[in-house]
Amino acid sequence: MQLQFKHFLANEAAGVSVEYALLIGLIGMTVIPGSLLLSSKITNQFNSITTALNKIGNPGSGFMPVR
């Protein structure tokens, strides 16, 4: 087992795979917060659309539905 680990460390492909793992980790650390921020903005936009559509259906809102 130790011999296999020493071969893994000596192999250049092991270094490249560690670099790729670090790169994927850094990308994940930026994508996840960005998607959380974007999802809250999208939710707020849909809520404002829902509010506007509900006002159209309410006769006392001042909006007249188009037929």
PDB file of N, CA and C in Angstrom:
ATOM      1  N   MET A   1       0.831  -1.196   0.000  1.00  0.00           N
ATOM      2  CA  MET A   1       0.000   0.000   0.000  1.00  0.00           C
ATOM      3  C   MET A   1       0.871   1.254   0.000  1.00  0.00           C
ATOM      4  N   GLN A   2       1.919   1.260   0.834  1.00  0.00           N
ATOM      5  CA  GLN A   2       2.798   2.423   0.879  1.00  0.00           C
ATOM      6  C   GLN A   2       3.544   2.591  -0.434  1.00  0.00           C
ATOM      7  N   LEU A   3       3.897   1.483  -1.058  1.00  0.00           N
ATOM      8  CA  LEU A   3       4.601   1.538  -2.334  1.00  0.00           C
ATOM      9  C   LEU A   3       3.708   2.164  -3.414  1.00  0.00           C
ATOM     10  N   GLN A   4       2.439   1.800  -3.410  1.00  0.00           N
ATOM     11  CA  GLN A   4       1.507   2.371  -4.376  1.00  0.00           C
ATOM     12  C   GLN A   4       1.341   3.870  -4.141  1.00  0.00           C
ATOM     13  N   PHE A   5       1.305   4.286  -2.888  1.00  0.00           N
ATOM     14  CA  PHE A   5       1.171   5.705  -2.566  1.00  0.00           C
ATOM     15  C   PHE A   5       2.405   6.479  -3.024  1.00  0.00           C
ATOM     16  N   LYS A   6       3.596   5.902  -2.855  1.00  0.00           N
ATOM     17  CA  LYS A   6       4.830   6.550  -3.304  1.00  0.00           C
ATOM     18  C   LYS A   6       4.847   6.677  -4.823  1.00  0.00           C
ATOM     19  N   HIS A   7       4.372   5.653  -5.514  1.00  0.00           N
ATOM     20  CA  HIS A   7       4.281   5.729  -6.979  1.00  0.00           C
ATOM     21  C   HIS A   7       3.280   6.801  -7.407  1.00  0.00           C
ATOM     22  N   PHE A   8       2.186   6.918  -6.671  1.00  0.00           N
ATOM     23  CA  PHE A   8       1.172   7.930  -6.978  1.00  0.00           C
ATOM     24  C   PHE A   8       1.768   9.328  -6.828  1.00  0.00           C
ATOM     25  N   LEU A   9       2.533   9.552  -5.772  1.00  0.00           N
ATOM     26  CA  LEU A   9       3.137  10.862  -5.559  1.00  0.00           C
ATOM     27  C   LEU A   9       4.229  11.168  -6.576  1.00  0.00           C
ATOM     28  N   ALA A  10       4.934  10.149  -7.027  1.00  0.00           N
ATOM     29  CA  ALA A  10       6.007  10.347  -7.996  1.00  0.00           C
ATOM     30  C   ALA A  10       5.471  10.551  -9.412  1.00  0.00           C
ATOM     31  N   ASN A  11       4.278  10.112  -9.657  1.00  0.00           N
ATOM     32  CA  ASN A  11       3.686  10.182 -10.987  1.00  0.00           C
ATOM     33  C   ASN A  11       3.242  11.621 -11.278  1.00  0.00           C
ATOM     34  N   GLU A  12       3.538  12.121 -12.496  1.00  0.00           N
ATOM     35  CA  GLU A  12       3.132  13.475 -12.873  1.00  0.00           C
ATOM     36  C   GLU A  12       1.621  13.590 -13.002  1.00  0.00           C
ATOM     37  N   ALA A  13       0.991  12.527 -13.393  1.00  0.00           N
ATOM     38  CA  ALA A  13      -0.464  12.559 -13.549  1.00  0.00           C
ATOM     39  C   ALA A  13      -1.137  12.830 -12.211  1.00  0.00           C
ATOM     40  N   ALA A  14      -0.527  12.414 -11.131  1.00  0.00           N
ATOM     41  CA  ALA A  14      -1.100  12.675  -9.811  1.00  0.00           C
ATOM     42  C   ALA A  14      -1.108  14.171  -9.526  1.00  0.00           C
ATOM     43  N   GLY A  15      -0.034  14.844  -9.888  1.00  0.00           N
ATOM     44  CA  GLY A  15       0.030  16.292  -9.692  1.00  0.00           C
ATOM     45  C   GLY A  15      -0.998  17.023 -10.516  1.00  0.00           C
ATOM     46  N   VAL A  16      -1.180  16.562 -11.741  1.00  0.00           N
ATOM     47  CA  VAL A  16      -2.176  17.180 -12.615  1.00  0.00           C
ATOM     48  C   VAL A  16      -3.583  16.957 -12.064  1.00  0.00           C
ATOM     49  N   SER A  17      -3.837  15.763 -11.546  1.00  0.00           N
ATOM     50  CA  SER A  17      -5.168  15.498 -11.009  1.00  0.00           C
ATOM     51  C   SER A  17      -5.435  16.343  -9.765  1.00  0.00           C
ATOM     52  N   VAL A  18      -4.405  16.595  -8.959  1.00  0.00           N
ATOM     53  CA  VAL A  18      -4.575  17.471  -7.786  1.00  0.00           C
ATOM     54  C   VAL A  18      -4.862  18.897  -8.243  1.00  0.00           C
ATOM     55  N   GLU A  19      -4.187  19.352  -9.293  1.00  0.00           N
ATOM     56  CA  GLU A  19      -4.445  20.690  -9.822  1.00  0.00           C
ATOM     57  C   GLU A  19      -5.880  20.806 -10.326  1.00  0.00           C
ATOM     58  N   TYR A  20      -6.346  19.785 -11.027  1.00  0.00           N
ATOM     59  CA  TYR A  20      -7.726  19.811 -11.508  1.00  0.00           C
ATOM     60  C   TYR A  20      -8.714  19.812 -10.349  1.00  0.00           C
ATOM     61  N   ALA A  21      -8.421  19.064  -9.305  1.00  0.00           N
ATOM     62  CA  ALA A  21      -9.307  19.039  -8.140  1.00  0.00           C
ATOM     63  C   ALA A  21      -9.368  20.408  -7.481  1.00  0.00           C
ATOM     64  N   LEU A  22      -8.235  21.083  -7.366  1.00  0.00           N
ATOM     65  CA  LEU A  22      -8.233  22.434  -6.793  1.00  0.00           C
ATOM     66  C   LEU A  22      -8.996  23.408  -7.674  1.00  0.00           C
ATOM     67  N   LEU A  23      -8.822  23.280  -8.976  1.00  0.00           N
ATOM     68  CA  LEU A  23      -9.533  24.144  -9.909  1.00  0.00           C
ATOM     69  C   LEU A  23     -11.043  23.951  -9.813  1.00  0.00           C
ATOM     70  N   ILE A  24     -11.478  22.707  -9.759  1.00  0.00           N
ATOM     71  CA  ILE A  24     -12.909  22.418  -9.630  1.00  0.00           C
ATOM     72  C   ILE A  24     -13.445  22.960  -8.312  1.00  0.00           C
ATOM     73  N   GLY A  25     -12.668  22.844  -7.250  1.00  0.00           N
ATOM     74  CA  GLY A  25     -13.082  23.380  -5.959  1.00  0.00           C
ATOM     75  C   GLY A  25     -13.238  24.887  -5.990  1.00  0.00           C
ATOM     76  N   LEU A  26     -12.300  25.582  -6.621  1.00  0.00           N
ATOM     77  CA  LEU A  26     -12.392  27.041  -6.712  1.00  0.00           C
ATOM     78  C   LEU A  26     -13.582  27.473  -7.563  1.00  0.00           C
ATOM     79  N   ILE A  27     -13.821  26.770  -8.650  1.00  0.00           N
ATOM     80  CA  ILE A  27     -14.977  27.090  -9.492  1.00  0.00           C
ATOM     81  C   ILE A  27     -16.266  26.869  -8.712  1.00  0.00           C
ATOM     82  N   GLY A  28     -16.335  25.777  -7.968  1.00  0.00           N
ATOM     83  CA  GLY A  28     -17.521  25.516  -7.153  1.00  0.00           C
ATOM     84  C   GLY A  28     -17.741  26.575  -6.095  1.00  0.00           C
ATOM     85  N   MET A  29     -16.653  27.098  -5.528  1.00  0.00           N
ATOM     86  CA  MET A  29     -16.786  28.125  -4.500  1.00  0.00           C
ATOM     87  C   MET A  29     -17.317  29.441  -5.062  1.00  0.00           C
ATOM     88  N   THR A  30     -17.192  29.659  -6.360  1.00  0.00           N
ATOM     89  CA  THR A  30     -17.726  30.884  -6.951  1.00  0.00           C
ATOM     90  C   THR A  30     -19.106  30.664  -7.570  1.00  0.00           C
ATOM     91  N   VAL A  31     -19.348  29.481  -8.096  1.00  0.00           N
ATOM     92  CA  VAL A  31     -20.631  29.226  -8.765  1.00  0.00           C
ATOM     93  C   VAL A  31     -21.772  29.113  -7.758  1.00  0.00           C
ATOM     94  N   ILE A  32     -21.547  28.448  -6.650  1.00  0.00           N
ATOM     95  CA  ILE A  32     -22.619  28.220  -5.673  1.00  0.00           C
ATOM     96  C   ILE A  32     -23.140  29.532  -5.088  1.00  0.00           C
ATOM     97  N   PRO A  33     -22.294  30.433  -4.576  1.00  0.00           N
ATOM     98  CA  PRO A  33     -22.848  31.703  -4.070  1.00  0.00           C
ATOM     99  C   PRO A  33     -23.504  32.538  -5.165  1.00  0.00           C
ATOM    100  N   GLY A  34     -22.943  32.511  -6.369  1.00  0.00           N
ATOM    101  CA  GLY A  34     -23.540  33.262  -7.467  1.00  0.00           C
ATOM    102  C   GLY A  34     -24.925  32.753  -7.825  1.00  0.00           C
ATOM    103  N   SER A  35     -25.095  31.447  -7.817  1.00  0.00           N
ATOM    104  CA  SER A  35     -26.407  30.891  -8.144  1.00  0.00           C
ATOM    105  C   SER A  35     -27.409  31.174  -7.032  1.00  0.00           C
ATOM    106  N   LEU A  36     -26.963  31.199  -5.787  1.00  0.00           N
ATOM    107  CA  LEU A  36     -27.869  31.537  -4.687  1.00  0.00           C
ATOM    108  C   LEU A  36     -28.335  32.987  -4.796  1.00  0.00           C
ATOM    109  N   LEU A  37     -27.428  33.887  -5.137  1.00  0.00           N
ATOM    110  CA  LEU A  37     -27.793  35.293  -5.310  1.00  0.00           C
ATOM    111  C   LEU A  37     -28.752  35.456  -6.477  1.00  0.00           C
ATOM    112  N   LEU A  38     -28.468  34.792  -7.569  1.00  0.00           N
ATOM    113  CA  LEU A  38     -29.318  34.882  -8.748  1.00  0.00           C
ATOM    114  C   LEU A  38     -30.697  34.298  -8.486  1.00  0.00           C
ATOM    115  N   SER A  39     -30.780  33.214  -7.733  1.00  0.00           N
ATOM    116  CA  SER A  39     -32.084  32.606  -7.470  1.00  0.00           C
ATOM    117  C   SER A  39     -32.962  33.526  -6.642  1.00  0.00           C
ATOM    118  N   SER A  40     -32.392  34.278  -5.698  1.00  0.00           N
ATOM    119  CA  SER A  40     -33.205  35.203  -4.911  1.00  0.00           C
ATOM    120  C   SER A  40     -33.715  36.351  -5.768  1.00  0.00           C
ATOM    121  N   LYS A  41     -32.895  36.812  -6.715  1.00  0.00           N
ATOM    122  CA  LYS A  41     -33.345  37.886  -7.602  1.00  0.00           C
ATOM    123  C   LYS A  41     -34.460  37.402  -8.529  1.00  0.00           C
ATOM    124  N   ILE A  42     -34.339  36.184  -9.031  1.00  0.00           N
ATOM    125  CA  ILE A  42     -35.382  35.623  -9.891  1.00  0.00           C
ATOM    126  C   ILE A  42     -36.678  35.444  -9.105  1.00  0.00           C
ATOM    127  N   THR A  43     -36.569  34.978  -7.867  1.00  0.00           N
ATOM    128  CA  THR A  43     -37.759  34.815  -7.019  1.00  0.00           C
ATOM    129  C   THR A  43     -38.443  36.154  -6.791  1.00  0.00           C
ATOM    130  N   ASN A  44     -37.675  37.200  -6.515  1.00  0.00           N
ATOM    131  CA  ASN A  44     -38.260  38.530  -6.315  1.00  0.00           C
ATOM    132  C   ASN A  44     -38.958  39.016  -7.579  1.00  0.00           C
ATOM    133  N   GLN A  45     -38.376  38.753  -8.725  1.00  0.00           N
ATOM    134  CA  GLN A  45     -38.983  39.180  -9.987  1.00  0.00           C
ATOM    135  C   GLN A  45     -40.310  38.462 -10.224  1.00  0.00           C
ATOM    136  N   PHE A  46     -40.348  37.163  -9.977  1.00  0.00           N
ATOM    137  CA  PHE A  46     -41.599  36.423 -10.148  1.00  0.00           C
ATOM    138  C   PHE A  46     -42.654  36.877  -9.147  1.00  0.00           C
ATOM    139  N   ASN A  47     -42.234  37.224  -7.935  1.00  0.00           N
ATOM    140  CA  ASN A  47     -43.197  37.727  -6.948  1.00  0.00           C
ATOM    141  C   ASN A  47     -43.795  39.055  -7.390  1.00  0.00           C
ATOM    142  N   SER A  48     -42.993  39.939  -7.978  1.00  0.00           N
ATOM    143  CA  SER A  48     -43.543  41.212  -8.452  1.00  0.00           C
ATOM    144  C   SER A  48     -44.470  40.995  -9.649  1.00  0.00           C
ATOM    145  N   ILE A  49     -44.163  40.042 -10.491  1.00  0.00           N
ATOM    146  CA  ILE A  49     -45.060  39.715 -11.615  1.00  0.00           C
ATOM    147  C   ILE A  49     -46.379  39.168 -11.084  1.00  0.00           C
ATOM    148  N   THR A  50     -46.306  38.293 -10.079  1.00  0.00           N
ATOM    149  CA  THR A  50     -47.515  37.730  -9.487  1.00  0.00           C
ATOM    150  C   THR A  50     -48.369  38.824  -8.870  1.00  0.00           C
ATOM    151  N   THR A  51     -47.749  39.773  -8.180  1.00  0.00           N
ATOM    152  CA  THR A  51     -48.486  40.879  -7.573  1.00  0.00           C
ATOM    153  C   THR A  51     -49.186  41.708  -8.643  1.00  0.00           C
ATOM    154  N   ALA A  52     -48.494  41.997  -9.742  1.00  0.00           N
ATOM    155  CA  ALA A  52     -49.093  42.775 -10.822  1.00  0.00           C
ATOM    156  C   ALA A  52     -50.251  42.026 -11.469  1.00  0.00           C
ATOM    157  N   LEU A  53     -50.096  40.722 -11.645  1.00  0.00           N
ATOM    158  CA  LEU A  53     -51.185  39.948 -12.239  1.00  0.00           C
ATOM    159  C   LEU A  53     -52.383  39.863 -11.294  1.00  0.00           C
ATOM    160  N   ASN A  54     -52.146  39.789 -10.003  1.00  0.00           N
ATOM    161  CA  ASN A  54     -53.252  39.766  -9.046  1.00  0.00           C
ATOM    162  C   ASN A  54     -54.002  41.091  -9.030  1.00  0.00           C
ATOM    163  N   LYS A  55     -53.286  42.208  -9.231  1.00  0.00           N
ATOM    164  CA  LYS A  55     -53.948  43.513  -9.284  1.00  0.00           C
ATOM    165  C   LYS A  55     -54.856  43.608 -10.504  1.00  0.00           C
ATOM    166  N   ILE A  56     -54.464  42.997 -11.601  1.00  0.00           N
ATOM    167  CA  ILE A  56     -55.282  43.027 -12.816  1.00  0.00           C
ATOM    168  C   ILE A  56     -56.607  42.324 -12.558  1.00  0.00           C
ATOM    169  N   GLY A  57     -56.580  41.238 -11.814  1.00  0.00           N
ATOM    170  CA  GLY A  57     -57.795  40.494 -11.532  1.00  0.00           C
ATOM    171  C   GLY A  57     -58.655  41.122 -10.458  1.00  0.00           C
ATOM    172  N   ASN A  58     -58.143  42.108  -9.738  1.00  0.00           N
ATOM    173  CA  ASN A  58     -58.884  42.756  -8.661  1.00  0.00           C
ATOM    174  C   ASN A  58     -59.617  43.979  -9.219  1.00  0.00           C
ATOM    175  N   PRO A  59     -60.955  44.022  -9.152  1.00  0.00           N
ATOM    176  CA  PRO A  59     -61.704  45.128  -9.755  1.00  0.00           C
ATOM    177  C   PRO A  59     -61.404  46.483  -9.117  1.00  0.00           C
ATOM    178  N   GLY A  60     -61.025  46.540  -7.872  1.00  0.00           N
ATOM    179  CA  GLY A  60     -60.760  47.817  -7.214  1.00  0.00           C
ATOM    180  C   GLY A  60     -59.351  48.324  -7.384  1.00  0.00           C
ATOM    181  N   SER A  61     -58.569  47.704  -8.206  1.00  0.00           N
ATOM    182  CA  SER A  61     -57.160  48.079  -8.320  1.00  0.00           C
ATOM    183  C   SER A  61     -56.921  49.224  -9.295  1.00  0.00           C
ATOM    184  N   GLY A  62     -57.890  49.533 -10.139  1.00  0.00           N
ATOM    185  CA  GLY A  62     -57.709  50.587 -11.116  1.00  0.00           C
ATOM    186  C   GLY A  62     -57.282  50.067 -12.488  1.00  0.00           C
ATOM    187  N   PHE A  63     -56.942  48.802 -12.558  1.00  0.00           N
ATOM    188  CA  PHE A  63     -56.582  48.195 -13.834  1.00  0.00           C
ATOM    189  C   PHE A  63     -57.817  47.607 -14.499  1.00  0.00           C
ATOM    190  N   MET A  64     -57.886  47.741 -15.812  1.00  0.00           N
ATOM    191  CA  MET A  64     -58.982  47.149 -16.543  1.00  0.00           C
ATOM    192  C   MET A  64     -58.451  45.952 -17.328  1.00  0.00           C
ATOM    193  N   PRO A  65     -59.042  44.777 -17.140  1.00  0.00           N
ATOM    194  CA  PRO A  65     -58.582  43.614 -17.895  1.00  0.00           C
ATOM    195  C   PRO A  65     -58.864  43.759 -19.389  1.00  0.00           C
ATOM    196  N   VAL A  66     -57.959  43.282 -20.195  1.00  0.00           N
ATOM    197  CA  VAL A  66     -58.106  43.325 -21.644  1.00  0.00           C
ATOM    198  C   VAL A  66     -58.815  42.040 -22.065  1.00  0.00           C
ATOM    199  N   ARG A  67     -59.835  42.210 -22.909  1.00  0.00           N
ATOM    200  CA  ARG A  67     -60.597  41.036 -23.390  1.00  0.00           C
ATOM    201  C   ARG A  67     -60.502  40.928 -24.867  1.00  0.00           C
TER     202      ARG A  67
END
